[in-house]
Protein backbone atom coordinates (compact mmCIF):
# COMPACT_ATOMS: atom_id res chain seq x y z
CA MET A 1 0.00 0.00 0.00
CA LYS A 2 2.81 2.36 0.83
CA ASP A 3 4.54 1.67 -2.50
CA GLN A 4 1.36 2.61 -4.36
CA GLU A 5 1.19 5.91 -2.51
CA ILE A 6 4.79 6.67 -3.38
CA ALA A 7 4.22 5.74 -7.02
CA SER A 8 1.14 7.96 -7.25
CA GLU A 9 3.05 10.82 -5.60
CA LEU A 10 5.86 10.40 -8.15
CA GLN A 11 3.34 10.48 -11.00
CA THR A 12 1.84 13.67 -9.59
CA LEU A 13 5.27 15.28 -9.25
CA ARG A 14 6.20 14.27 -12.81
CA ALA A 15 3.01 15.85 -14.12
CA GLN A 16 3.70 19.03 -12.18
CA LEU A 17 7.28 19.12 -13.46
CA LYS A 18 6.11 18.68 -17.05
CA GLN A 19 3.60 21.51 -16.61
CA LEU A 20 6.28 23.79 -15.13
CA GLU A 21 8.62 23.06 -18.05
CA GLN A 22 5.87 23.88 -20.55
CA ASP A 23 5.08 27.13 -18.71
CA ARG A 24 8.78 28.04 -18.70
CA LEU A 25 9.07 27.42 -22.45
CA GLN A 26 5.98 29.54 -23.14
CA HIS A 27 7.36 32.31 -20.97
CA LYS A 28 10.72 32.14 -22.76
CA GLU A 29 9.02 32.31 -26.18
CA ALA A 30 6.92 35.28 -25.08
CA ALA A 31 10.03 37.06 -23.80
CA SER A 32 11.93 36.48 -27.04
CA LYS A 33 9.28 38.09 -29.27
CA PRO A 34 10.02 41.70 -28.14
CA SER A 35 13.71 41.11 -28.73
CA GLU A 36 12.92 39.97 -32.27
CA VAL A 37 11.14 43.29 -32.83
CA ALA A 38 14.12 45.16 -31.38
CA ASN A 39 16.47 43.19 -33.64
CA ALA A 40 14.37 44.10 -36.67
CA GLN A 41 14.46 47.77 -35.69
CA ALA A 42 18.22 47.59 -35.17
CA SER A 43 18.71 46.06 -38.59
CA LEU A 44 16.62 48.85 -40.14
CA ALA A 45 18.70 51.43 -38.29
CA ALA A 46 21.87 49.76 -39.51
CA GLN A 47 20.67 50.10 -43.08
CA GLU A 48 20.65 53.90 -42.74
CA SER A 49 23.75 55.52 -44.09
CA PRO A 50 26.19 56.96 -41.54
CA ARG A 51 25.97 60.29 -43.32
CA GLU A 52 22.23 60.52 -42.62
CA SER A 53 22.70 59.71 -38.95
CA VAL A 54 25.46 62.33 -38.63
CA GLU A 55 23.30 64.91 -40.39
CA ASP A 56 20.43 64.11 -38.00
CA TRP A 57 22.78 64.51 -35.04
CA VAL A 58 24.13 67.84 -36.31
CA SER A 59 20.63 69.14 -36.98
CA GLY A 60 19.75 68.21 -33.40
CA LEU A 61 22.70 70.28 -32.19
CA GLU A 62 21.31 73.38 -33.87
CA ASP A 63 18.25 73.21 -31.63
CA LEU A 64 20.29 73.20 -28.40
CA ASP A 65 20.24 76.27 -26.21
CA THR A 66 23.88 76.86 -25.29
CA ALA A 67 23.03 78.99 -22.28
CA HIS A 68 20.91 76.16 -20.87
CA VAL A 69 23.67 73.60 -21.53
CA LEU A 70 26.31 75.77 -19.85
CA GLU A 71 24.05 76.37 -16.87
CA ARG A 72 23.46 72.63 -16.51
CA ILE A 73 27.20 71.92 -16.72
CA LYS A 74 27.83 74.58 -14.10
CA ASP A 75 25.26 73.06 -11.75
CA VAL A 76 26.63 69.54 -12.12
CA THR A 77 30.27 70.53 -11.74
CA SER A 78 29.61 72.81 -8.79
CA ASP A 79 27.93 69.95 -6.93
CA TRP A 80 30.87 67.73 -7.84
CA PHE A 81 33.42 70.25 -6.55
CA VAL A 82 31.47 70.75 -3.32
CA ASP A 83 31.50 66.97 -2.76
CA ILE A 84 35.24 66.77 -3.46
CA ASN A 85 35.88 69.68 -1.11
CA ASP A 86 33.90 67.95 1.65
CA ASP A 87 35.84 64.73 1.10
CA LEU A 88 39.20 66.51 1.14
CA LYS A 89 38.41 68.21 4.44
CA ASP A 90 38.46 64.80 6.16
CA VAL A 91 41.85 63.73 4.71
CA ARG A 92 45.13 64.43 6.48
CA PRO A 93 47.49 66.81 4.64
CA ALA A 94 50.33 64.28 4.74
CA THR A 95 48.17 61.80 2.84
CA LEU A 96 47.35 64.38 0.20
CA LEU A 97 51.04 65.23 -0.25
CA LEU A 98 51.90 61.54 -0.54
CA LEU A 99 49.23 60.99 -3.20
CA PHE A 100 50.38 64.06 -5.10
CA GLY A 101 53.96 62.79 -4.98
CA PHE A 102 52.90 59.38 -6.32
CA GLY A 103 51.00 61.10 -9.11
CA VAL A 104 54.08 63.09 -10.11
CA LEU A 105 56.24 59.96 -9.98
CA VAL A 106 53.83 57.93 -12.12
CA GLY A 107 53.54 60.83 -14.55
CA ARG A 108 57.31 61.00 -14.93
CA LEU A 109 57.61 57.23 -15.38
CA THR A 110 54.89 56.95 -18.01
CA SER A 111 55.90 59.92 -20.18
């Protein structure tokens, strides 16, 4: 009687495993379809001539507002310099001199 229970349990587990494998394959097929669309779009983009893509890029540059770009660069770099300044306040001067010396040495050796 116990062997029959084990055999029926094995049959149930096999059926569940087969169902899980089928679900996994369906999920994998569904996931691969968007990538096929992306591959088709990439192949169409590759067929464009490089000259056209460069001309599109240059025409996009004409629409940029240089004042806005410079202001954005200023904001980003000022935050970066403030962070560096805060980090350097916590470092001992001897460590900074040592690092500077190593930088000079490496620069001399690599040039």
